[in-house]
């Protein structure tokens, strides 16, 4: 574990209309603690096909990208953030599909399904 960086621990969430507001506790390298929130629009998450269970980690990533927060403690997982995430997921899926399509069949495999006779 890198002790020179702050750690963010999920403390919970609350539902505010169509938003989920996640509360995180930052544990600084000097062991001081402070609370931060990240708000995620659930309609946008659905539009970007982001599963609900992935939102806490994605919101924590928003906080981990912040260098100096100053006095700001409330952040938003934006439409642009969600778009970049879903584009990355789509790109990885496409790359995996292309890798699967490029693999030659195993040696001696004609691709036909073999039907074995029943055991006697």
C-alpha atoms as a PDB file:
ATOM      1  CA  UNK A   1       0.000   0.000   0.000  1.00  0.00           C
ATOM      2  CA  UNK A   2       1.337   3.435  -0.994  1.00  0.00           C
ATOM      3  CA  UNK A   3       1.476   5.459   2.229  1.00  0.00           C
ATOM      4  CA  UNK A   4       2.177   8.746   0.413  1.00  0.00           C
ATOM      5  CA  UNK A   5      -1.353   8.929  -1.040  1.00  0.00           C
ATOM      6  CA  UNK A   6      -4.739   9.425   0.514  1.00  0.00           C
ATOM      7  CA  UNK A   7      -7.054   6.437   0.721  1.00  0.00           C
ATOM      8  CA  UNK A   8     -10.799   6.779   0.127  1.00  0.00           C
ATOM      9  CA  UNK A   9     -13.132   4.426   1.992  1.00  0.00           C
ATOM     10  CA  UNK A  10     -16.820   4.151   1.108  1.00  0.00           C
ATOM     11  CA  UNK A  11     -18.958   5.018   4.132  1.00  0.00           C
ATOM     12  CA  UNK A  12     -22.357   4.682   2.473  1.00  0.00           C
ATOM     13  CA  UNK A  13     -24.791   6.346   0.143  1.00  0.00           C
ATOM     14  CA  UNK A  14     -28.141   8.043   0.129  1.00  0.00           C
ATOM     15  CA  UNK A  15     -30.746   8.269  -2.586  1.00  0.00           C
ATOM     16  CA  UNK A  16     -31.757  11.820  -3.520  1.00  0.00           C
ATOM     17  CA  UNK A  17     -34.499  11.660  -6.171  1.00  0.00           C
ATOM     18  CA  UNK A  18     -32.714  10.238  -9.271  1.00  0.00           C
ATOM     19  CA  UNK A  19     -29.239  10.648  -7.830  1.00  0.00           C
ATOM     20  CA  UNK A  20     -27.150   8.391  -5.666  1.00  0.00           C
ATOM     21  CA  UNK A  21     -24.833  10.359  -3.388  1.00  0.00           C
ATOM     22  CA  UNK A  22     -21.865   8.329  -2.152  1.00  0.00           C
ATOM     23  CA  UNK A  23     -20.012   9.377   0.994  1.00  0.00           C
ATOM     24  CA  UNK A  24     -16.318   8.571   1.271  1.00  0.00           C
ATOM     25  CA  UNK A  25     -13.878   9.104   4.086  1.00  0.00           C
ATOM     26  CA  UNK A  26     -10.442  10.257   3.028  1.00  0.00           C
ATOM     27  CA  UNK A  27      -7.611   8.969   5.162  1.00  0.00           C
ATOM     28  CA  UNK A  28      -4.620  11.193   4.472  1.00  0.00           C
ATOM     29  CA  UNK A  29      -0.996  10.038   4.810  1.00  0.00           C
ATOM     30  CA  UNK A  30      -0.863  11.888   8.153  1.00  0.00           C
ATOM     31  CA  UNK A  31      -3.904   9.797   9.256  1.00  0.00           C
ATOM     32  CA  UNK A  32      -6.230  12.810   9.314  1.00  0.00           C
ATOM     33  CA  UNK A  33      -9.753  12.056   8.125  1.00  0.00           C
ATOM     34  CA  UNK A  34     -12.336  14.042   6.173  1.00  0.00           C
ATOM     35  CA  UNK A  35     -15.598  13.300   4.379  1.00  0.00           C
ATOM     36  CA  UNK A  36     -16.250  13.715   0.663  1.00  0.00           C
ATOM     37  CA  UNK A  37     -19.309  13.077  -1.477  1.00  0.00           C
ATOM     38  CA  UNK A  38     -19.709  12.138  -5.125  1.00  0.00           C
ATOM     39  CA  UNK A  39     -23.110  12.434  -6.794  1.00  0.00           C
ATOM     40  CA  UNK A  40     -24.076  10.126  -9.678  1.00  0.00           C
ATOM     41  CA  UNK A  41     -27.148  10.630 -11.877  1.00  0.00           C
ATOM     42  CA  UNK A  42     -28.804   7.212 -12.170  1.00  0.00           C
ATOM     43  CA  UNK A  43     -30.571   8.079 -15.435  1.00  0.00           C
ATOM     44  CA  UNK A  44     -27.203   8.922 -17.016  1.00  0.00           C
ATOM     45  CA  UNK A  45     -25.687   5.735 -15.613  1.00  0.00           C
ATOM     46  CA  UNK A  46     -28.479   3.703 -17.240  1.00  0.00           C
ATOM     47  CA  UNK A  47     -28.014   5.577 -20.530  1.00  0.00           C
ATOM     48  CA  UNK A  48     -24.310   4.716 -20.468  1.00  0.00           C
ATOM     49  CA  UNK A  49     -25.138   1.121 -19.428  1.00  0.00           C
ATOM     50  CA  UNK A  50     -23.158   1.378 -16.214  1.00  0.00           C
ATOM     51  CA  UNK A  51     -24.263  -1.284 -13.720  1.00  0.00           C
ATOM     52  CA  UNK A  52     -25.385   0.133 -10.390  1.00  0.00           C
ATOM     53  CA  UNK A  53     -22.898  -2.009  -8.484  1.00  0.00           C
ATOM     54  CA  UNK A  54     -19.979  -0.385 -10.350  1.00  0.00           C
ATOM     55  CA  UNK A  55     -20.891   3.165  -9.328  1.00  0.00           C
ATOM     56  CA  UNK A  56     -19.112   3.194  -5.917  1.00  0.00           C
ATOM     57  CA  UNK A  57     -15.744   2.267  -7.447  1.00  0.00           C
ATOM     58  CA  UNK A  58     -16.201   4.699 -10.323  1.00  0.00           C
ATOM     59  CA  UNK A  59     -17.080   7.487  -7.902  1.00  0.00           C
ATOM     60  CA  UNK A  60     -14.046   6.657  -5.781  1.00  0.00           C
ATOM     61  CA  UNK A  61     -11.941   6.962  -8.946  1.00  0.00           C
ATOM     62  CA  UNK A  62     -13.273  10.525  -9.354  1.00  0.00           C
ATOM     63  CA  UNK A  63     -11.834  11.364  -5.929  1.00  0.00           C
ATOM     64  CA  UNK A  64      -8.543   9.567  -6.579  1.00  0.00           C
ATOM     65  CA  UNK A  65      -7.952  11.713  -9.680  1.00  0.00           C
ATOM     66  CA  UNK A  66      -8.133  14.935  -7.679  1.00  0.00           C
ATOM     67  CA  UNK A  67      -4.717  16.309  -6.793  1.00  0.00           C
ATOM     68  CA  UNK A  68      -5.561  19.080  -4.322  1.00  0.00           C
ATOM     69  CA  UNK A  69      -9.112  19.548  -3.171  1.00  0.00           C
ATOM     70  CA  UNK A  70      -8.745  22.788  -1.244  1.00  0.00           C
ATOM     71  CA  UNK A  71     -12.042  23.347   0.533  1.00  0.00           C
ATOM     72  CA  UNK A  72     -14.122  21.404  -1.980  1.00  0.00           C
ATOM     73  CA  UNK A  73     -15.624  18.187  -0.627  1.00  0.00           C
ATOM     74  CA  UNK A  74     -18.565  17.554  -3.000  1.00  0.00           C
ATOM     75  CA  UNK A  75     -18.011  16.221  -6.511  1.00  0.00           C
ATOM     76  CA  UNK A  76     -20.071  14.864  -9.416  1.00  0.00           C
ATOM     77  CA  UNK A  77     -19.552  11.769 -11.560  1.00  0.00           C
ATOM     78  CA  UNK A  78     -20.359  13.661 -14.756  1.00  0.00           C
ATOM     79  CA  UNK A  79     -21.901  12.661 -18.068  1.00  0.00           C
ATOM     80  CA  UNK A  80     -18.447  13.092 -19.647  1.00  0.00           C
ATOM     81  CA  UNK A  81     -16.885  10.783 -16.999  1.00  0.00           C
ATOM     82  CA  UNK A  82     -19.555   8.166 -17.669  1.00  0.00           C
ATOM     83  CA  UNK A  83     -19.067   8.495 -21.421  1.00  0.00           C
ATOM     84  CA  UNK A  84     -15.314   7.935 -21.143  1.00  0.00           C
ATOM     85  CA  UNK A  85     -15.929   4.896 -18.955  1.00  0.00           C
ATOM     86  CA  UNK A  86     -18.494   3.332 -21.318  1.00  0.00           C
ATOM     87  CA  UNK A  87     -16.278   4.056 -24.351  1.00  0.00           C
ATOM     88  CA  UNK A  88     -13.416   2.267 -22.595  1.00  0.00           C
ATOM     89  CA  UNK A  89     -15.633  -0.729 -21.842  1.00  0.00           C
ATOM     90  CA  UNK A  90     -16.789  -0.846 -25.476  1.00  0.00           C
ATOM     91  CA  UNK A  91     -13.209  -0.569 -26.769  1.00  0.00           C
ATOM     92  CA  UNK A  92     -12.030  -3.418 -24.520  1.00  0.00           C
ATOM     93  CA  UNK A  93     -14.966  -5.593 -25.611  1.00  0.00           C
ATOM     94  CA  UNK A  94     -14.204  -4.902 -29.283  1.00  0.00           C
ATOM     95  CA  UNK A  95     -10.507  -5.705 -28.797  1.00  0.00           C
ATOM     96  CA  UNK A  96     -11.399  -8.976 -27.055  1.00  0.00           C
ATOM     97  CA  UNK A  97     -13.765  -9.899 -29.880  1.00  0.00           C
ATOM     98  CA  UNK A  98     -11.093  -9.185 -32.475  1.00  0.00           C
ATOM     99  CA  UNK A  99      -8.569 -11.325 -30.578  1.00  0.00           C
ATOM    100  CA  UNK A 100     -11.054 -14.210 -30.462  1.00  0.00           C
ATOM    101  CA  UNK A 101     -11.776 -13.892 -34.187  1.00  0.00           C
ATOM    102  CA  UNK A 102      -8.067 -13.944 -35.107  1.00  0.00           C
ATOM    103  CA  UNK A 103      -7.274 -17.186 -33.323  1.00  0.00           C
ATOM    104  CA  UNK A 104      -6.818 -20.079 -35.729  1.00  0.00           C
ATOM    105  CA  UNK A 105      -8.634 -23.307 -34.885  1.00  0.00           C
ATOM    106  CA  UNK A 106      -6.518 -25.884 -33.015  1.00  0.00           C
ATOM    107  CA  UNK A 107      -4.374 -28.140 -35.232  1.00  0.00           C
ATOM    108  CA  UNK A 108      -6.383 -30.973 -36.724  1.00  0.00           C
ATOM    109  CA  UNK A 109      -9.701 -29.285 -35.900  1.00  0.00           C
ATOM    110  CA  UNK A 110     -11.818 -28.798 -38.992  1.00  0.00           C
ATOM    111  CA  UNK A 111     -14.377 -26.870 -36.986  1.00  0.00           C
ATOM    112  CA  UNK A 112     -16.941 -29.650 -37.438  1.00  0.00           C
ATOM    113  CA  UNK A 113     -18.615 -31.110 -34.376  1.00  0.00           C
ATOM    114  CA  UNK A 114     -17.776 -34.736 -33.755  1.00  0.00           C
ATOM    115  CA  UNK A 115     -20.462 -37.108 -32.590  1.00  0.00           C
ATOM    116  CA  UNK A 116     -19.022 -40.011 -30.675  1.00  0.00           C
ATOM    117  CA  UNK A 117     -20.728 -43.408 -30.690  1.00  0.00           C
ATOM    118  CA  UNK A 118     -22.358 -44.396 -27.391  1.00  0.00           C
ATOM    119  CA  UNK A 119     -20.208 -46.398 -24.995  1.00  0.00           C
ATOM    120  CA  UNK A 120     -20.976 -50.111 -24.762  1.00  0.00           C
END
